[in-house]
């Protein structure tokens, strides 16, 4: 057996629907950075502190969690593109409302809570759909490259976004930063709207090509036209395919497997859900509460410093996206993903101990390792899940990642107030290490 050599492929960018998705995510994540940087300083502007910020972020998390299962169900029923469109437009309206409240400068924290909660509802719908749409746009052999390039694009925007957002907040105001975020939601929605036209054009090309479009290949042109066609996705799903299944489908006749049956039968899916939940146990509070406190209080770096720390993580994630895009065909991807997760845990634990330069270096390492883990695990699940279940499976994974986020945010606020931000980073590093040691011990994931 020859030695594996990573090879980066840009083939997914030749698919127009994927290019539009790529652009939508690029713009949207750029705007998300403005939200992440501006929100803490809007709370501080209104006289709040770490505790109020933790409660506000918790409200966002509860609402995002509440609509995550719905996002998966709707993706399987009406198509992920439509779900993403509704999400972007609703978040655009809520973010514009935050701009109005910030400009009024009346210290109305309650109004901010309501509007941030509204953006959380939209985010919960969006994430499962975003994971479910890529396999409908790309052939199976391009899926890992597509996931890696997608991560690279989003983190490239994230690398630039926090630094720019920090400057905007410092020199102008949080209101201007939220205004930029609202505009990016509108641009993202426009790109998603055009994916429908790209899919219809692909369908016409597939029809003109005759038998090639009817070959039954899961990743054929007809499948790429199914971004909003749940029936087509169900037809190509097979009756029993799912995580852990080795067959390519089942003979006609039996009813397609349901989500709960899949959860009972698939050790791989159960393991991925456990690792995901454990790994995200304290991450949300660390990022949304611990990191702003570290920047403002411990490092004295303010808004610009927070933007720089977020940009460091996303710079590492950008490199991780490119690296993972070149790992298609890598044997034992599951084991590689878990080892990368161990690197992530160690890097997070080191963040508070070497000043600002050390924190930047640790976050670059954490970002790289995190993206390699995410891309490999998500691709494994996508390639082993029946298309008619993909939205619900992705929503289950997102739900596992987010389910403890509200508690994490509140707990992080209390811990920061009592013990300082260092305790939050140490706790997060420990939970990450425990989660990925468990994942590495499970053969159903390690041997993928």
Protein backbone atom coordinates (compact mmCIF):
# COMPACT_ATOMS: atom_id res chain seq x y z
CA UNK A 1 0.00 0.00 0.00
CA UNK A 2 1.43 3.38 -1.02
CA UNK A 3 1.92 6.17 1.43
CA UNK A 4 -1.02 8.59 1.64
CA UNK A 5 -0.26 12.09 0.37
CA UNK A 6 -2.66 14.99 0.98
CA UNK A 7 -3.82 16.61 -2.25
CA UNK A 8 -5.94 19.76 -2.28
CA UNK A 9 -8.77 19.77 -4.83
CA UNK A 10 -10.78 22.80 -5.98
CA UNK A 11 -13.12 20.69 -8.12
CA UNK A 12 -16.21 21.54 -5.99
CA UNK A 13 -15.90 25.18 -7.09
CA UNK A 14 -16.75 24.13 -10.65
CA UNK A 15 -20.33 23.38 -9.47
CA UNK A 16 -22.34 26.63 -9.67
CA UNK A 17 -24.70 25.77 -6.83
CA UNK A 18 -21.77 25.05 -4.55
CA UNK A 19 -20.08 28.32 -5.55
CA UNK A 20 -23.20 30.24 -4.54
CA UNK A 21 -23.34 28.40 -1.22
CA UNK A 22 -19.63 29.15 -0.77
CA UNK A 23 -20.27 32.87 -1.34
CA UNK A 24 -23.32 32.94 0.96
CA UNK A 25 -21.38 31.42 3.84
CA UNK A 26 -18.36 33.65 3.20
CA UNK A 27 -20.45 36.82 3.52
CA UNK A 28 -22.59 35.55 6.40
CA UNK A 29 -19.64 34.53 8.57
CA UNK A 30 -17.98 37.88 7.94
CA UNK A 31 -21.11 39.48 9.41
CA UNK A 32 -21.23 37.03 12.33
CA UNK A 33 -17.84 38.32 13.46
CA UNK A 34 -19.34 41.81 13.82
CA UNK A 35 -22.11 40.41 16.01
CA UNK A 36 -19.66 38.48 18.21
CA UNK A 37 -17.39 41.49 18.78
CA UNK A 38 -20.10 44.15 19.09
CA UNK A 39 -22.47 42.37 21.48
CA UNK A 40 -20.23 42.42 24.60
CA UNK A 41 -19.46 46.09 24.09
CA UNK A 42 -23.12 46.96 23.56
CA UNK A 43 -23.84 45.32 26.92
CA UNK A 44 -20.97 47.27 28.51
CA UNK A 45 -22.29 50.46 26.86
CA UNK A 46 -25.63 49.86 28.59
CA UNK A 47 -23.93 49.43 31.97
CA UNK A 48 -23.87 45.62 32.10
CA UNK A 49 -21.01 43.23 32.89
CA UNK A 50 -20.00 39.59 32.52
CA UNK A 51 -23.12 38.32 34.30
CA UNK A 52 -25.50 40.29 32.07
CA UNK A 53 -23.56 39.22 29.00
CA UNK A 54 -23.79 35.60 30.10
CA UNK A 55 -27.56 35.86 30.53
CA UNK A 56 -27.95 37.54 27.15
CA UNK A 57 -25.88 34.89 25.41
CA UNK A 58 -27.87 32.22 27.24
CA UNK A 59 -31.12 33.64 25.82
CA UNK A 60 -29.62 33.40 22.34
CA UNK A 61 -28.55 29.83 23.03
CA UNK A 62 -31.93 28.67 24.36
CA UNK A 63 -33.71 30.00 21.29
CA UNK A 64 -31.14 28.56 18.89
CA UNK A 65 -31.46 25.20 20.60
CA UNK A 66 -35.26 25.28 20.46
CA UNK A 67 -35.40 25.54 16.66
CA UNK A 68 -32.49 23.22 15.81
CA UNK A 69 -34.63 20.03 15.58
CA UNK A 70 -37.18 21.95 13.51
CA UNK A 71 -34.42 23.01 11.13
CA UNK A 72 -33.54 19.38 10.47
CA UNK A 73 -37.15 18.28 10.03
CA UNK A 74 -37.94 21.13 7.64
CA UNK A 75 -34.74 20.48 5.67
CA UNK A 76 -35.84 16.91 5.02
CA UNK A 77 -39.39 17.99 4.13
CA UNK A 78 -39.08 21.22 2.12
CA UNK A 79 -35.38 21.33 1.28
CA UNK A 80 -32.44 22.92 3.11
CA UNK A 81 -32.11 25.93 0.79
CA UNK A 82 -35.57 27.25 1.66
CA UNK A 83 -34.87 26.80 5.37
CA UNK A 84 -31.60 28.74 5.05
CA UNK A 85 -33.39 31.56 3.21
CA UNK A 86 -36.01 31.95 5.94
CA UNK A 87 -33.27 31.92 8.55
CA UNK A 88 -31.18 34.63 6.86
CA UNK A 89 -34.13 36.94 6.29
CA UNK A 90 -35.42 36.61 9.86
CA UNK A 91 -31.96 37.29 11.30
CA UNK A 92 -31.58 40.30 9.03
CA UNK A 93 -34.77 41.82 10.51
CA UNK A 94 -33.75 41.10 14.12
CA UNK A 95 -30.24 42.49 13.64
CA UNK A 96 -31.65 45.65 12.08
CA UNK A 97 -33.76 45.98 15.23
CA UNK A 98 -30.62 45.79 17.39
CA UNK A 99 -29.19 48.66 15.34
CA UNK A 100 -32.23 50.79 16.16
CA UNK A 101 -31.95 50.02 19.89
CA UNK A 102 -28.21 50.70 19.91
CA UNK A 103 -28.62 54.04 18.12
CA UNK A 104 -31.35 55.09 20.58
CA UNK A 105 -28.81 54.41 23.40
CA UNK A 106 -31.54 54.17 26.02
CA UNK A 107 -29.90 51.30 27.89
CA UNK A 108 -32.78 48.99 26.95
CA UNK A 109 -31.15 45.63 27.65
CA UNK A 110 -34.53 43.85 27.53
CA UNK A 111 -35.09 44.89 23.90
CA UNK A 112 -31.61 43.63 23.03
CA UNK A 113 -32.39 40.31 24.74
CA UNK A 114 -35.57 39.88 22.68
CA UNK A 115 -33.85 40.70 19.39
CA UNK A 116 -30.79 38.57 20.10
CA UNK A 117 -33.16 35.73 21.00
CA UNK A 118 -34.79 36.21 17.59
CA UNK A 119 -31.44 35.81 15.87
CA UNK A 120 -30.98 32.65 17.92
CA UNK A 121 -34.24 31.23 16.56
CA UNK A 122 -33.01 31.85 13.02
CA UNK A 123 -29.60 30.34 13.71
CA UNK A 124 -31.18 27.16 15.02
CA UNK A 125 -33.01 26.69 11.73
CA UNK A 126 -29.93 27.47 9.67
CA UNK A 127 -27.22 25.14 10.92
CA UNK A 128 -28.74 21.71 10.18
CA UNK A 129 -29.80 22.93 6.74
CA UNK A 130 -26.28 24.21 6.01
CA UNK A 131 -24.81 20.78 6.77
CA UNK A 132 -27.54 18.97 4.81
CA UNK A 133 -27.32 20.99 1.58
CA UNK A 134 -23.72 20.25 0.57
CA UNK A 135 -24.26 16.53 -0.23
CA UNK A 136 -27.14 17.61 -2.50
CA UNK A 137 -24.84 19.87 -4.51
CA UNK A 138 -21.68 17.76 -4.83
CA UNK A 139 -20.78 14.21 -5.87
CA UNK A 140 -19.64 11.91 -3.06
CA UNK A 141 -15.98 11.92 -4.09
CA UNK A 142 -15.89 15.74 -3.81
CA UNK A 143 -17.74 15.98 -0.51
CA UNK A 144 -14.76 16.12 1.85
CA UNK A 145 -12.99 18.64 -0.39
CA UNK A 146 -16.21 20.67 -0.47
CA UNK A 147 -16.55 20.58 3.32
CA UNK A 148 -12.91 21.59 3.70
CA UNK A 149 -13.18 24.45 1.21
CA UNK A 150 -16.42 25.56 2.85
CA UNK A 151 -14.65 25.71 6.20
CA UNK A 152 -11.75 27.57 4.62
CA UNK A 153 -14.08 30.18 3.13
CA UNK A 154 -16.02 30.74 6.33
CA UNK A 155 -12.90 30.99 8.43
CA UNK A 156 -11.21 33.28 5.92
CA UNK A 157 -14.13 35.64 6.42
CA UNK A 158 -13.89 35.01 10.15
CA UNK A 159 -10.19 35.82 10.16
CA UNK A 160 -10.76 39.20 8.54
CA UNK A 161 -14.10 39.94 10.20
CA UNK A 162 -13.15 40.11 13.91
CA UNK A 163 -10.24 42.47 13.33
CA UNK A 164 -12.35 44.77 11.17
CA UNK A 165 -15.23 44.51 13.63
CA UNK A 166 -12.98 45.42 16.54
CA UNK A 167 -11.80 48.53 14.70
CA UNK A 168 -15.39 49.49 13.80
CA UNK A 169 -16.56 49.09 17.40
CA UNK A 170 -13.57 50.98 18.80
CA UNK A 171 -13.63 53.86 16.30
CA UNK A 172 -17.36 54.06 15.54
CA UNK A 173 -19.87 52.14 17.65
CA UNK A 174 -21.52 48.76 18.24
CA UNK A 175 -24.53 50.05 16.28
CA UNK A 176 -22.50 50.40 13.09
CA UNK A 177 -21.11 46.89 13.56
CA UNK A 178 -24.61 45.44 13.87
CA UNK A 179 -25.60 47.36 10.74
CA UNK A 180 -22.85 45.60 8.79
CA UNK A 181 -24.12 42.27 10.13
CA UNK A 182 -27.66 43.00 8.90
CA UNK A 183 -26.40 43.80 5.39
CA UNK A 184 -24.46 40.54 5.20
CA UNK A 185 -27.60 38.55 5.97
CA UNK A 186 -29.29 40.22 2.99
CA UNK A 187 -26.38 39.37 0.67
CA UNK A 188 -26.29 35.77 1.89
CA UNK A 189 -30.03 35.40 1.25
CA UNK A 190 -29.58 36.69 -2.31
CA UNK A 191 -26.90 34.05 -2.99
CA UNK A 192 -29.09 31.30 -1.57
CA UNK A 193 -32.01 32.44 -3.72
CA UNK A 194 -29.85 31.98 -6.82
CA UNK A 195 -28.97 28.39 -5.89
CA UNK A 196 -32.50 27.44 -6.93
CA UNK A 197 -31.84 28.69 -10.45
CA UNK A 198 -28.50 26.89 -10.53
CA UNK A 199 -30.15 23.65 -9.46
CA UNK A 200 -32.84 23.97 -12.14
CA UNK A 201 -30.18 24.59 -14.78
CA UNK A 202 -28.33 21.49 -13.60
CA UNK A 203 -31.53 19.47 -13.80
CA UNK A 204 -32.09 20.56 -17.42
CA UNK A 205 -28.52 19.60 -18.28
CA UNK A 206 -29.03 16.23 -16.62
CA UNK A 207 -32.20 15.61 -18.63
CA UNK A 208 -30.43 16.51 -21.87
CA UNK A 209 -27.66 14.02 -21.09
CA UNK A 210 -30.11 11.12 -21.26
CA UNK A 211 -29.23 7.93 -19.50
CA UNK A 212 -26.38 9.49 -17.53
CA UNK A 213 -28.84 11.35 -15.34
CA UNK A 214 -30.76 8.14 -14.67
CA UNK A 215 -27.78 6.00 -13.75
CA UNK A 216 -28.82 5.85 -10.10
CA UNK A 217 -25.51 7.18 -8.82
CA UNK A 218 -26.13 8.95 -5.53
CA UNK A 219 -23.97 11.87 -6.62
CA UNK A 220 -25.25 12.31 -10.17
CA UNK A 221 -26.42 15.57 -11.73
CA UNK A 222 -30.03 14.85 -10.81
CA UNK A 223 -29.00 14.69 -7.17
CA UNK A 224 -27.20 18.01 -7.39
CA UNK A 225 -30.49 19.51 -8.57
CA UNK A 226 -32.22 18.32 -5.40
CA UNK A 227 -31.34 21.22 -3.10
CA UNK A 228 -35.07 21.87 -2.67
CA UNK A 229 -36.44 18.46 -3.70
CA UNK A 230 -36.98 16.21 -0.66
CA UNK A 231 -38.69 13.62 -2.82
CA UNK A 232 -35.62 13.27 -5.00
CA UNK A 233 -33.44 13.07 -1.93
CA UNK A 234 -35.62 10.34 -0.52
CA UNK A 235 -35.52 8.39 -3.77
CA UNK A 236 -31.75 8.25 -3.74
CA UNK A 237 -31.46 7.58 -0.02
CA UNK A 238 -32.07 3.86 0.02
CA UNK A 239 -34.31 2.26 2.59
CA UNK A 240 -31.80 1.50 5.25
CA UNK A 241 -28.64 3.46 4.72
CA UNK A 242 -27.30 5.29 7.72
CA UNK A 243 -24.21 5.73 9.86
CA UNK A 244 -22.64 2.34 10.41
CA UNK A 245 -24.35 0.64 7.47
CA UNK A 246 -22.08 -1.06 4.95
CA UNK A 247 -24.64 -1.62 2.21
CA UNK A 248 -25.36 0.89 -0.52
CA UNK A 249 -29.12 0.66 -0.01
CA UNK A 250 -31.84 -2.00 0.06
CA UNK A 251 -34.20 -3.62 -2.43
CA UNK A 252 -37.42 -1.80 -3.30
CA UNK A 253 -40.31 -2.51 -0.98
CA UNK A 254 -39.45 -1.90 2.69
CA UNK A 255 -40.30 1.51 4.12
CA UNK A 256 -37.31 3.84 4.54
CA UNK A 257 -35.65 3.68 7.93
CA UNK A 258 -36.71 6.39 10.39
CA UNK A 259 -34.48 8.57 12.52
CA UNK A 260 -35.20 6.85 15.84
CA UNK A 261 -34.59 3.41 14.34
CA UNK A 262 -31.31 4.71 12.92
CA UNK A 263 -30.31 6.05 16.33
CA UNK A 264 -31.01 2.64 17.92
CA UNK A 265 -29.07 0.72 15.27
CA UNK A 266 -26.08 2.95 14.55
CA UNK A 267 -23.23 2.81 17.07
CA UNK A 268 -21.37 5.37 14.95
CA UNK A 269 -24.13 7.97 15.23
CA UNK A 270 -24.50 7.44 18.97
CA UNK A 271 -20.75 7.82 19.51
CA UNK A 272 -20.58 10.98 17.40
CA UNK A 273 -23.44 12.48 19.41
CA UNK A 274 -21.80 11.68 22.76
CA UNK A 275 -18.40 13.06 21.69
CA UNK A 276 -20.03 16.18 20.25
CA UNK A 277 -22.04 16.91 23.40
CA UNK A 278 -19.09 16.35 25.72
CA UNK A 279 -16.67 18.36 23.59
CA UNK A 280 -19.03 21.33 23.55
CA UNK A 281 -19.87 21.19 27.25
CA UNK A 282 -18.05 24.43 28.13
CA UNK A 283 -16.86 25.79 24.77
CA UNK A 284 -19.77 28.20 24.30
CA UNK A 285 -19.21 29.96 27.61
CA UNK A 286 -15.46 30.09 27.00
CA UNK A 287 -15.84 31.82 23.63
CA UNK A 288 -18.73 34.15 24.37
CA UNK A 289 -17.92 35.09 27.99
CA UNK A 290 -14.44 33.87 28.94
CA UNK A 291 -12.63 35.23 25.90
CA UNK A 292 -14.07 38.79 26.12
CA UNK A 293 -13.14 38.85 29.82
CA UNK A 294 -9.62 37.56 29.11
CA UNK A 295 -9.12 40.25 26.49
CA UNK A 296 -10.63 43.16 28.43
CA UNK A 297 -9.64 42.38 32.03
CA UNK A 298 -6.65 40.01 32.12
CA UNK A 299 -4.84 41.18 28.99
CA UNK A 300 -6.11 44.78 28.89
CA UNK A 301 -6.51 44.54 25.12
CA UNK A 302 -10.12 45.79 24.78
CA UNK A 303 -12.29 45.42 21.69
CA UNK A 304 -9.39 45.38 19.25
CA UNK A 305 -7.66 42.69 21.30
CA UNK A 306 -10.78 40.54 21.36
CA UNK A 307 -11.05 40.86 17.60
CA UNK A 308 -7.44 39.79 17.28
CA UNK A 309 -7.96 36.70 19.46
CA UNK A 310 -11.01 35.65 17.45
CA UNK A 311 -9.06 36.26 14.26
CA UNK A 312 -6.23 34.04 15.54
CA UNK A 313 -8.61 31.13 16.02
CA UNK A 314 -10.10 31.64 12.59
CA UNK A 315 -6.66 31.89 10.98
CA UNK A 316 -5.83 28.46 12.34
CA UNK A 317 -9.22 27.22 11.22
CA UNK A 318 -8.58 28.52 7.70
CA UNK A 319 -5.38 26.49 7.49
CA UNK A 320 -7.22 23.51 8.98
CA UNK A 321 -9.91 23.78 6.30
CA UNK A 322 -7.35 23.71 3.49
CA UNK A 323 -5.50 20.84 5.13
CA UNK A 324 -8.63 18.74 5.66
CA UNK A 325 -9.79 19.42 2.08
CA UNK A 326 -6.67 17.56 0.95
CA UNK A 327 -7.35 14.52 3.13
CA UNK A 328 -9.92 12.83 0.86
CA UNK A 329 -9.05 9.14 0.77
CA UNK A 330 -7.21 9.25 4.11
CA UNK A 331 -7.52 5.89 5.92
CA UNK A 332 -8.83 5.91 9.50
CA UNK A 333 -10.22 9.42 9.30
CA UNK A 334 -12.05 8.90 12.58
CA UNK A 335 -8.83 8.26 14.51
CA UNK A 336 -7.20 11.28 12.87
CA UNK A 337 -10.17 13.45 13.88
CA UNK A 338 -9.95 12.35 17.53
CA UNK A 339 -6.17 12.95 17.73
CA UNK A 340 -6.73 16.44 16.32
CA UNK A 341 -9.33 16.92 19.06
CA UNK A 342 -6.74 16.10 21.72
CA UNK A 343 -4.48 18.80 20.28
CA UNK A 344 -7.44 21.20 20.47
CA UNK A 345 -8.00 20.48 24.16
CA UNK A 346 -4.36 21.02 25.07
CA UNK A 347 -4.18 24.28 23.12
CA UNK A 348 -7.31 25.71 24.78
CA UNK A 349 -5.96 24.95 28.26
CA UNK A 350 -2.79 26.93 27.47
CA UNK A 351 -4.53 30.11 26.24
CA UNK A 352 -4.40 32.19 29.49
CA UNK A 353 -0.79 31.43 30.46
CA UNK A 354 1.53 33.20 27.99
CA UNK A 355 0.20 36.72 27.61
CA UNK A 356 -1.36 38.06 24.46
CA UNK A 357 1.18 36.56 21.99
CA UNK A 358 0.88 33.13 23.63
CA UNK A 359 -2.90 33.31 23.56
CA UNK A 360 -2.78 34.11 19.85
CA UNK A 361 -0.50 31.13 19.13
CA UNK A 362 -2.61 28.75 21.22
CA UNK A 363 -5.81 29.88 19.49
CA UNK A 364 -4.24 29.42 16.03
CA UNK A 365 -3.39 25.84 17.00
CA UNK A 366 -6.85 25.28 18.47
CA UNK A 367 -8.53 26.57 15.32
CA UNK A 368 -6.51 24.30 13.03
CA UNK A 369 -7.18 21.20 15.14
CA UNK A 370 -10.87 22.02 15.60
CA UNK A 371 -11.51 22.35 11.87
CA UNK A 372 -9.72 19.12 10.98
CA UNK A 373 -11.85 17.31 13.58
CA UNK A 374 -15.10 18.88 12.40
CA UNK A 375 -14.56 18.37 8.67
CA UNK A 376 -13.53 14.73 9.02
CA UNK A 377 -16.36 13.79 11.38
CA UNK A 378 -19.06 15.64 9.43
CA UNK A 379 -17.90 14.07 6.14
CA UNK A 380 -17.95 10.59 7.69
CA UNK A 381 -21.53 11.12 8.84
CA UNK A 382 -22.68 12.69 5.56
CA UNK A 383 -21.25 9.84 3.49
CA UNK A 384 -22.90 7.20 5.68
CA UNK A 385 -26.35 8.76 6.10
CA UNK A 386 -29.39 8.25 3.90
CA UNK A 387 -30.28 11.52 2.18
CA UNK A 388 -33.88 11.48 3.44
CA UNK A 389 -32.52 11.52 7.02
CA UNK A 390 -29.60 13.87 6.58
CA UNK A 391 -31.35 17.01 7.84
CA UNK A 392 -32.52 15.27 11.01
CA UNK A 393 -29.15 13.60 11.62
CA UNK A 394 -27.37 16.93 11.20
CA UNK A 395 -29.87 18.62 13.51
CA UNK A 396 -29.20 15.93 16.13
CA UNK A 397 -25.46 16.61 15.91
CA UNK A 398 -25.99 20.37 16.09
CA UNK A 399 -28.40 19.88 19.00
CA UNK A 400 -25.79 17.79 20.83
CA UNK A 401 -23.25 20.55 20.25
CA UNK A 402 -25.56 23.32 21.44
CA UNK A 403 -27.73 21.66 24.08
CA UNK A 404 -25.60 22.77 27.02
CA UNK A 405 -24.69 26.16 25.55
CA UNK A 406 -27.15 28.21 27.69
CA UNK A 407 -25.92 26.57 30.89
CA UNK A 408 -22.34 26.99 29.70
CA UNK A 409 -22.83 30.72 29.11
CA UNK A 410 -24.45 31.36 32.50
CA UNK A 411 -21.90 29.20 34.32
CA UNK A 412 -19.02 30.94 32.55
CA UNK A 413 -20.33 34.34 33.63
CA UNK A 414 -20.52 33.21 37.26
CA UNK A 415 -17.09 31.54 37.15
CA UNK A 416 -15.46 34.60 35.57
CA UNK A 417 -16.97 36.86 38.23
CA UNK A 418 -15.76 34.59 41.05
CA UNK A 419 -12.54 32.94 39.82
CA UNK A 420 -11.49 34.80 36.68
CA UNK A 421 -11.30 33.72 33.06
CA UNK A 422 -8.39 31.28 33.54
CA UNK A 423 -10.67 28.78 35.29
CA UNK A 424 -13.00 28.74 32.28
CA UNK A 425 -10.16 27.89 29.88
CA UNK A 426 -8.82 25.11 32.12
CA UNK A 427 -12.27 23.54 32.48
CA UNK A 428 -12.84 23.70 28.74
CA UNK A 429 -9.49 22.09 27.96
CA UNK A 430 -10.21 19.26 30.40
CA UNK A 431 -13.64 18.47 28.95
CA UNK A 432 -12.27 18.50 25.39
CA UNK A 433 -9.51 16.06 26.30
CA UNK A 434 -11.97 13.71 28.02
CA UNK A 435 -14.38 13.79 25.07
CA UNK A 436 -11.78 12.94 22.44
CA UNK A 437 -10.11 10.23 24.53
CA UNK A 438 -13.54 8.57 24.67
CA UNK A 439 -14.00 8.95 20.90
CA UNK A 440 -10.57 7.45 20.23
CA UNK A 441 -11.52 4.44 22.35
CA UNK A 442 -14.61 3.62 20.21
CA UNK A 443 -13.85 1.31 17.25
CA UNK A 444 -16.96 2.33 15.29
CA UNK A 445 -15.48 5.84 14.99
CA UNK A 446 -11.76 5.13 15.20
CA UNK A 447 -11.83 2.69 12.25
CA UNK A 448 -13.75 4.91 9.83
